[in-house]
C-alpha atoms as a PDB file:
ATOM      1  CA  MET A   1     227.406   3.854  25.357  1.00  0.00           C
ATOM      2  CA  ALA A   2     226.688   0.216  24.728  1.00  0.00           C
ATOM      3  CA  LYS A   3     223.419  -1.169  26.084  1.00  0.00           C
ATOM      4  CA  PRO A   4     223.825  -3.787  28.817  1.00  0.00           C
ATOM      5  CA  LYS A   5     223.111  -7.314  27.636  1.00  0.00           C
ATOM      6  CA  ARG A   6     219.907  -8.858  28.845  1.00  0.00           C
ATOM      7  CA  GLU A   7     220.094 -12.051  30.817  1.00  0.00           C
ATOM      8  CA  PRO A   8     218.722 -14.975  28.796  1.00  0.00           C
ATOM      9  CA  LYS A   9     215.310 -16.165  29.951  1.00  0.00           C
ATOM     10  CA  LEU A  10     215.295 -19.541  31.580  1.00  0.00           C
ATOM     11  CA  PRO A  11     212.568 -22.020  30.653  1.00  0.00           C
ATOM     12  CA  MET A  12     209.582 -21.886  32.961  1.00  0.00           C
ATOM     13  CA  VAL A  13     209.843 -24.678  35.480  1.00  0.00           C
ATOM     14  CA  ALA A  14     206.100 -24.429  36.065  1.00  0.00           C
ATOM     15  CA  ASN A  15     205.488 -26.238  32.758  1.00  0.00           C
ATOM     16  CA  LEU A  16     207.644 -29.248  33.676  1.00  0.00           C
ATOM     17  CA  PRO A  17     205.256 -31.071  36.021  1.00  0.00           C
ATOM     18  CA  ALA A  18     202.462 -31.029  33.420  1.00  0.00           C
ATOM     19  CA  THR A  19     204.845 -32.502  30.819  1.00  0.00           C
ATOM     20  CA  VAL A  20     205.914 -35.296  33.152  1.00  0.00           C
ATOM     21  CA  GLU A  21     202.302 -35.936  34.140  1.00  0.00           C
ATOM     22  CA  GLU A  22     201.195 -36.205  30.511  1.00  0.00           C
ATOM     23  CA  ALA A  23     204.052 -38.600  29.744  1.00  0.00           C
ATOM     24  CA  ASP A  24     202.986 -40.787  32.672  1.00  0.00           C
ATOM     25  CA  ALA A  25     199.353 -40.591  31.539  1.00  0.00           C
ATOM     26  CA  LEU A  26     200.347 -41.720  28.052  1.00  0.00           C
ATOM     27  CA  LEU A  27     202.283 -44.707  29.435  1.00  0.00           C
ATOM     28  CA  PHE A  28     199.330 -45.577  31.663  1.00  0.00           C
ATOM     29  CA  ALA A  29     196.897 -45.400  28.723  1.00  0.00           C
ATOM     30  CA  ARG A  30     199.100 -47.648  26.586  1.00  0.00           C
ATOM     31  CA  ASP A  31     199.403 -50.168  29.410  1.00  0.00           C
ATOM     32  CA  LEU A  32     195.648 -50.236  30.002  1.00  0.00           C
ATOM     33  CA  ILE A  33     194.994 -50.651  26.271  1.00  0.00           C
ATOM     34  CA  ALA A  34     197.386 -53.617  26.224  1.00  0.00           C
ATOM     35  CA  ARG A  35     195.635 -55.189  29.211  1.00  0.00           C
ATOM     36  CA  LEU A  36     192.174 -54.743  27.742  1.00  0.00           C
ATOM     37  CA  GLY A  37     193.380 -56.045  24.384  1.00  0.00           C
ATOM     38  CA  GLY A  38     194.015 -59.475  25.886  1.00  0.00           C
ATOM     39  CA  ALA A  39     190.665 -59.756  27.655  1.00  0.00           C
ATOM     40  CA  GLY A  40     188.465 -61.034  24.805  1.00  0.00           C
ATOM     41  CA  ASP A  41     186.976 -64.485  24.272  1.00  0.00           C
ATOM     42  CA  VAL A  42     187.738 -64.774  20.537  1.00  0.00           C
ATOM     43  CA  GLY A  43     190.105 -61.837  20.013  1.00  0.00           C
ATOM     44  CA  SER A  44     190.936 -58.318  21.104  1.00  0.00           C
ATOM     45  CA  PRO A  45     187.934 -56.235  22.245  1.00  0.00           C
ATOM     46  CA  PHE A  46     189.327 -53.509  19.998  1.00  0.00           C
ATOM     47  CA  GLU A  47     188.598 -55.703  16.938  1.00  0.00           C
ATOM     48  CA  ALA A  48     185.348 -56.481  15.119  1.00  0.00           C
ATOM     49  CA  ALA A  49     185.334 -60.244  15.762  1.00  0.00           C
ATOM     50  CA  GLU A  50     185.121 -59.861  19.537  1.00  0.00           C
ATOM     51  CA  SER A  51     182.478 -57.147  19.241  1.00  0.00           C
ATOM     52  CA  ARG A  52     180.282 -59.399  17.094  1.00  0.00           C
ATOM     53  CA  HIS A  53     180.855 -62.311  19.486  1.00  0.00           C
ATOM     54  CA  VAL A  54     179.707 -60.268  22.479  1.00  0.00           C
ATOM     55  CA  LEU A  55     176.670 -59.000  20.556  1.00  0.00           C
ATOM     56  CA  ARG A  56     175.622 -62.537  19.607  1.00  0.00           C
ATOM     57  CA  LYS A  57     175.931 -63.685  23.221  1.00  0.00           C
ATOM     58  CA  PHE A  58     173.712 -60.799  24.272  1.00  0.00           C
ATOM     59  CA  LEU A  59     171.120 -61.394  21.555  1.00  0.00           C
ATOM     60  CA  GLY A  60     171.199 -65.125  22.246  1.00  0.00           C
ATOM     61  CA  GLY A  61     169.541 -64.433  25.570  1.00  0.00           C
ATOM     62  CA  ALA A  62     166.398 -63.503  23.637  1.00  0.00           C
ATOM     63  CA  LEU A  63     165.931 -67.194  22.788  1.00  0.00           C
ATOM     64  CA  GLN A  64     164.860 -67.833  26.387  1.00  0.00           C
ATOM     65  CA  THR A  65     161.453 -66.142  26.086  1.00  0.00           C
ATOM     66  CA  THR A  66     158.562 -66.172  23.625  1.00  0.00           C
ATOM     67  CA  GLN A  67     158.687 -62.400  23.144  1.00  0.00           C
ATOM     68  CA  GLY A  68     162.433 -62.541  22.642  1.00  0.00           C
ATOM     69  CA  ARG A  69     162.137 -65.235  19.972  1.00  0.00           C
ATOM     70  CA  LEU A  70     159.407 -63.280  18.183  1.00  0.00           C
ATOM     71  CA  TRP A  71     161.635 -60.209  18.202  1.00  0.00           C
ATOM     72  CA  LEU A  72     164.583 -62.182  16.793  1.00  0.00           C
ATOM     73  CA  VAL A  73     162.388 -63.632  14.032  1.00  0.00           C
ATOM     74  CA  LYS A  74     161.183 -60.154  13.074  1.00  0.00           C
ATOM     75  CA  GLN A  75     164.741 -58.792  13.016  1.00  0.00           C
ATOM     76  CA  ALA A  76     165.966 -61.745  10.962  1.00  0.00           C
ATOM     77  CA  GLN A  77     163.085 -61.469   8.503  1.00  0.00           C
ATOM     78  CA  ASN A  78     164.060 -57.837   7.903  1.00  0.00           C
ATOM     79  CA  GLY A  79     167.672 -58.783   7.117  1.00  0.00           C
ATOM     80  CA  GLU A  80     169.437 -58.353  10.483  1.00  0.00           C
ATOM     81  CA  GLU A  81     172.406 -60.694  10.050  1.00  0.00           C
ATOM     82  CA  GLU A  82     173.195 -61.436  13.705  1.00  0.00           C
ATOM     83  CA  SER A  83     169.599 -62.491  14.393  1.00  0.00           C
ATOM     84  CA  GLN A  84     169.675 -64.746  11.330  1.00  0.00           C
ATOM     85  CA  ILE A  85     172.859 -66.418  12.564  1.00  0.00           C
ATOM     86  CA  ILE A  86     171.486 -66.934  16.089  1.00  0.00           C
ATOM     87  CA  LEU A  87     168.226 -68.464  14.851  1.00  0.00           C
ATOM     88  CA  ARG A  88     169.977 -70.678  12.310  1.00  0.00           C
ATOM     89  CA  GLU A  89     172.375 -72.011  14.943  1.00  0.00           C
ATOM     90  CA  ALA A  90     169.500 -72.610  17.381  1.00  0.00           C
ATOM     91  CA  LEU A  91     167.570 -74.584  14.766  1.00  0.00           C
ATOM     92  CA  LEU A  92     170.619 -76.678  13.842  1.00  0.00           C
ATOM     93  CA  GLU A  93     171.282 -77.450  17.511  1.00  0.00           C
ATOM     94  CA  MET A  94     167.695 -78.583  18.100  1.00  0.00           C
ATOM     95  CA  GLU A  95     167.643 -80.681  14.941  1.00  0.00           C
ATOM     96  CA  SER A  96     170.893 -82.411  15.929  1.00  0.00           C
ATOM     97  CA  ARG A  97     169.328 -83.298  19.291  1.00  0.00           C
ATOM     98  CA  HIS A  98     165.990 -84.285  17.676  1.00  0.00           C
ATOM     99  CA  VAL A  99     164.180 -81.626  19.716  1.00  0.00           C
ATOM    100  CA  GLU A 100     161.061 -79.964  18.372  1.00  0.00           C
ATOM    101  CA  PRO A 101     161.731 -76.208  18.212  1.00  0.00           C
ATOM    102  CA  PRO A 102     159.342 -73.667  19.774  1.00  0.00           C
ATOM    103  CA  LYS A 103     156.568 -72.402  17.497  1.00  0.00           C
ATOM    104  CA  GLU A 104     158.428 -69.146  16.849  1.00  0.00           C
ATOM    105  CA  LEU A 105     161.501 -70.980  15.549  1.00  0.00           C
ATOM    106  CA  GLY A 106     159.285 -73.371  13.595  1.00  0.00           C
ATOM    107  CA  PHE A 107     157.725 -70.346  11.929  1.00  0.00           C
ATOM    108  CA  TYR A 108     161.165 -69.007  11.082  1.00  0.00           C
ATOM    109  CA  ARG A 109     162.094 -72.359   9.548  1.00  0.00           C
ATOM    110  CA  MET A 110     159.006 -72.079   7.313  1.00  0.00           C
ATOM    111  CA  LEU A 111     160.110 -68.603   6.263  1.00  0.00           C
ATOM    112  CA  LEU A 112     163.519 -69.986   5.335  1.00  0.00           C
ATOM    113  CA  VAL A 113     161.984 -72.749   3.218  1.00  0.00           C
ATOM    114  CA  SER A 114     159.665 -70.313   1.442  1.00  0.00           C
ATOM    115  CA  GLY A 115     162.505 -67.854   0.834  1.00  0.00           C
ATOM    116  CA  ASP A 116     160.651 -65.087   2.660  1.00  0.00           C
ATOM    117  CA  ILE A 117     163.752 -63.827   4.451  1.00  0.00           C
ATOM    118  CA  ALA A 118     165.481 -60.633   3.401  1.00  0.00           C
ATOM    119  CA  PRO A 119     169.193 -60.982   2.575  1.00  0.00           C
ATOM    120  CA  PRO A 120     171.632 -59.578   5.159  1.00  0.00           C
ATOM    121  CA  LEU A 121     171.621 -55.793   5.181  1.00  0.00           C
ATOM    122  CA  ARG A 122     174.487 -54.101   3.369  1.00  0.00           C
ATOM    123  CA  TRP A 123     176.265 -51.254   5.090  1.00  0.00           C
ATOM    124  CA  ALA A 124     178.058 -48.426   3.314  1.00  0.00           C
ATOM    125  CA  GLY A 125     180.356 -47.610   6.238  1.00  0.00           C
ATOM    126  CA  PRO A 126     181.682 -49.280   9.379  1.00  0.00           C
ATOM    127  CA  LYS A 127     179.062 -51.344  11.177  1.00  0.00           C
ATOM    128  CA  LYS A 128     178.236 -50.069  14.644  1.00  0.00           C
ATOM    129  CA  LYS A 129     177.995 -53.669  15.843  1.00  0.00           C
ATOM    130  CA  ASN A 130     181.690 -54.079  14.970  1.00  0.00           C
ATOM    131  CA  GLU A 131     182.634 -51.241  17.301  1.00  0.00           C
ATOM    132  CA  ILE A 132     180.692 -51.994  20.509  1.00  0.00           C
ATOM    133  CA  THR A 133     183.502 -53.500  22.590  1.00  0.00           C
ATOM    134  CA  ARG A 134     186.084 -51.197  21.005  1.00  0.00           C
ATOM    135  CA  ASN A 135     184.160 -48.088  22.003  1.00  0.00           C
ATOM    136  CA  ILE A 136     183.530 -49.336  25.540  1.00  0.00           C
ATOM    137  CA  CYS A 137     187.242 -50.071  25.972  1.00  0.00           C
ATOM    138  CA  VAL A 138     188.248 -46.663  24.595  1.00  0.00           C
ATOM    139  CA  ALA A 139     185.861 -44.935  27.009  1.00  0.00           C
ATOM    140  CA  MET A 140     187.261 -47.025  29.862  1.00  0.00           C
ATOM    141  CA  VAL A 141     190.814 -45.918  29.072  1.00  0.00           C
ATOM    142  CA  VAL A 142     189.726 -42.265  28.978  1.00  0.00           C
ATOM    143  CA  ALA A 143     188.050 -42.751  32.363  1.00  0.00           C
ATOM    144  CA  GLY A 144     191.253 -44.271  33.707  1.00  0.00           C
ATOM    145  CA  VAL A 145     193.339 -41.307  32.592  1.00  0.00           C
ATOM    146  CA  VAL A 146     190.797 -38.875  34.064  1.00  0.00           C
ATOM    147  CA  GLY A 147     190.573 -40.725  37.362  1.00  0.00           C
ATOM    148  CA  ARG A 148     194.262 -41.437  37.876  1.00  0.00           C
ATOM    149  CA  PHE A 149     195.734 -38.133  36.678  1.00  0.00           C
ATOM    150  CA  GLY A 150     192.895 -35.675  37.226  1.00  0.00           C
ATOM    151  CA  LEU A 151     192.884 -34.504  33.602  1.00  0.00           C
ATOM    152  CA  LYS A 152     189.745 -33.188  31.946  1.00  0.00           C
ATOM    153  CA  PRO A 153     188.225 -35.706  29.533  1.00  0.00           C
ATOM    154  CA  THR A 154     187.895 -33.215  26.661  1.00  0.00           C
ATOM    155  CA  GLY A 155     188.938 -29.721  25.702  1.00  0.00           C
ATOM    156  CA  ARG A 156     192.073 -28.160  24.278  1.00  0.00           C
ATOM    157  CA  SER A 157     194.615 -26.141  26.246  1.00  0.00           C
ATOM    158  CA  ALA A 158     198.119 -24.848  25.555  1.00  0.00           C
ATOM    159  CA  ARG A 159     199.173 -25.897  29.058  1.00  0.00           C
ATOM    160  CA  ARG A 160     197.419 -29.223  29.568  1.00  0.00           C
ATOM    161  CA  ARG A 161     196.234 -31.970  27.256  1.00  0.00           C
ATOM    162  CA  SER A 162     192.881 -33.679  27.694  1.00  0.00           C
ATOM    163  CA  ALA A 163     192.427 -37.371  28.442  1.00  0.00           C
ATOM    164  CA  CYS A 164     190.796 -37.951  25.028  1.00  0.00           C
ATOM    165  CA  SER A 165     193.826 -36.434  23.305  1.00  0.00           C
ATOM    166  CA  ILE A 166     196.212 -38.669  25.238  1.00  0.00           C
ATOM    167  CA  VAL A 167     194.129 -41.802  24.573  1.00  0.00           C
ATOM    168  CA  ALA A 168     193.961 -40.996  20.856  1.00  0.00           C
ATOM    169  CA  GLU A 169     197.767 -40.949  20.791  1.00  0.00           C
ATOM    170  CA  ALA A 170     198.020 -44.103  22.914  1.00  0.00           C
ATOM    171  CA  LEU A 171     195.793 -46.026  20.484  1.00  0.00           C
ATOM    172  CA  GLU A 172     198.373 -45.514  17.750  1.00  0.00           C
ATOM    173  CA  ALA A 173     200.494 -48.104  19.599  1.00  0.00           C
ATOM    174  CA  ILE A 174     198.040 -50.758  18.377  1.00  0.00           C
ATOM    175  CA  ARG A 175     197.765 -49.064  14.963  1.00  0.00           C
ATOM    176  CA  MET A 176     194.309 -47.686  15.691  1.00  0.00           C
ATOM    177  CA  ARG A 177     194.146 -44.133  14.419  1.00  0.00           C
ATOM    178  CA  LEU A 178     190.860 -42.765  15.694  1.00  0.00           C
ATOM    179  CA  GLY A 179     191.956 -39.198  16.346  1.00  0.00           C
ATOM    180  CA  TYR A 180     190.864 -36.814  19.067  1.00  0.00           C
ATOM    181  CA  GLU A 181     187.402 -36.069  17.649  1.00  0.00           C
ATOM    182  CA  ALA A 182     186.531 -39.770  17.329  1.00  0.00           C
ATOM    183  CA  VAL A 183     187.637 -40.514  20.904  1.00  0.00           C
ATOM    184  CA  LYS A 184     185.727 -37.455  22.096  1.00  0.00           C
ATOM    185  CA  SER A 185     182.583 -38.734  20.347  1.00  0.00           C
ATOM    186  CA  ILE A 186     182.972 -42.167  21.978  1.00  0.00           C
ATOM    187  CA  TRP A 187     183.367 -40.513  25.371  1.00  0.00           C
ATOM    188  CA  ALA A 188     180.216 -38.458  24.797  1.00  0.00           C
ATOM    189  CA  THR A 189     178.281 -41.711  24.308  1.00  0.00           C
ATOM    190  CA  TYR A 190     179.792 -43.963  26.981  1.00  0.00           C
ATOM    191  CA  GLY A 191     181.566 -41.638  29.392  1.00  0.00           C
ATOM    192  CA  HIS A 192     178.666 -41.332  31.836  1.00  0.00           C
ATOM    193  CA  LEU A 193     178.859 -45.101  32.416  1.00  0.00           C
ATOM    194  CA  MET A 194     182.551 -45.111  33.333  1.00  0.00           C
ATOM    195  CA  PRO A 195     184.163 -44.772  36.797  1.00  0.00           C
ATOM    196  CA  THR A 196     186.351 -41.676  37.018  1.00  0.00           C
ATOM    197  CA  GLU A 197     186.981 -41.632  40.766  1.00  0.00           C
ATOM    198  CA  ARG A 198     190.693 -41.354  41.542  1.00  0.00           C
ATOM    199  CA  GLY A 199     190.465 -43.970  44.291  1.00  0.00           C
ATOM    200  CA  PHE A 200     188.989 -46.549  41.918  1.00  0.00           C
ATOM    201  CA  TRP A 201     191.904 -46.396  39.479  1.00  0.00           C
ATOM    202  CA  ASN A 202     194.563 -46.016  42.155  1.00  0.00           C
ATOM    203  CA  SER A 203     193.332 -49.254  43.750  1.00  0.00           C
ATOM    204  CA  LEU A 204     193.843 -51.057  40.438  1.00  0.00           C
ATOM    205  CA  TYR A 205     197.309 -49.605  39.862  1.00  0.00           C
ATOM    206  CA  THR A 206     199.146 -49.602  43.190  1.00  0.00           C
END
């Protein structure tokens, strides 16, 4: 006697909502990356030029105090390139306006004349200063995916992807291949500073 044929198993509908949700999360991440990419002063925050620009603006604030200028001079003397650039530009600006520089900058000018300034430091790998704005933006996108879609920021699951995994894929749209582990590492550093409340992100994307 022939065995009765088994009915073919239908795909589990329970998996469909997660798939749709992840597709929406990926589109959201790509859109947010595009928005953030156009928010820089000199270029995309995902690129080194904007990161260096922001760092110089931040360090430039040290020129306003005696202690700050002393710190910049020490950093520059030890070969810190951004401090050297800031001090050089400050001296040129004062000379063009025929303004006597503060004693700290006058001391730095003497160091320049005497050649007692270390050359800019050489780095074997990517400079952290080139990645400041990039990493902040990446963490912000992860926070957006977490807040808007309720996904966990990290972790691997057969049923549900993490926000870091989705953002890593979304970054490929701008040819930035960081990978899950790199995005996860960025989140570990900056994630605690980012808003992940659902209401915050829903108010931005209504």
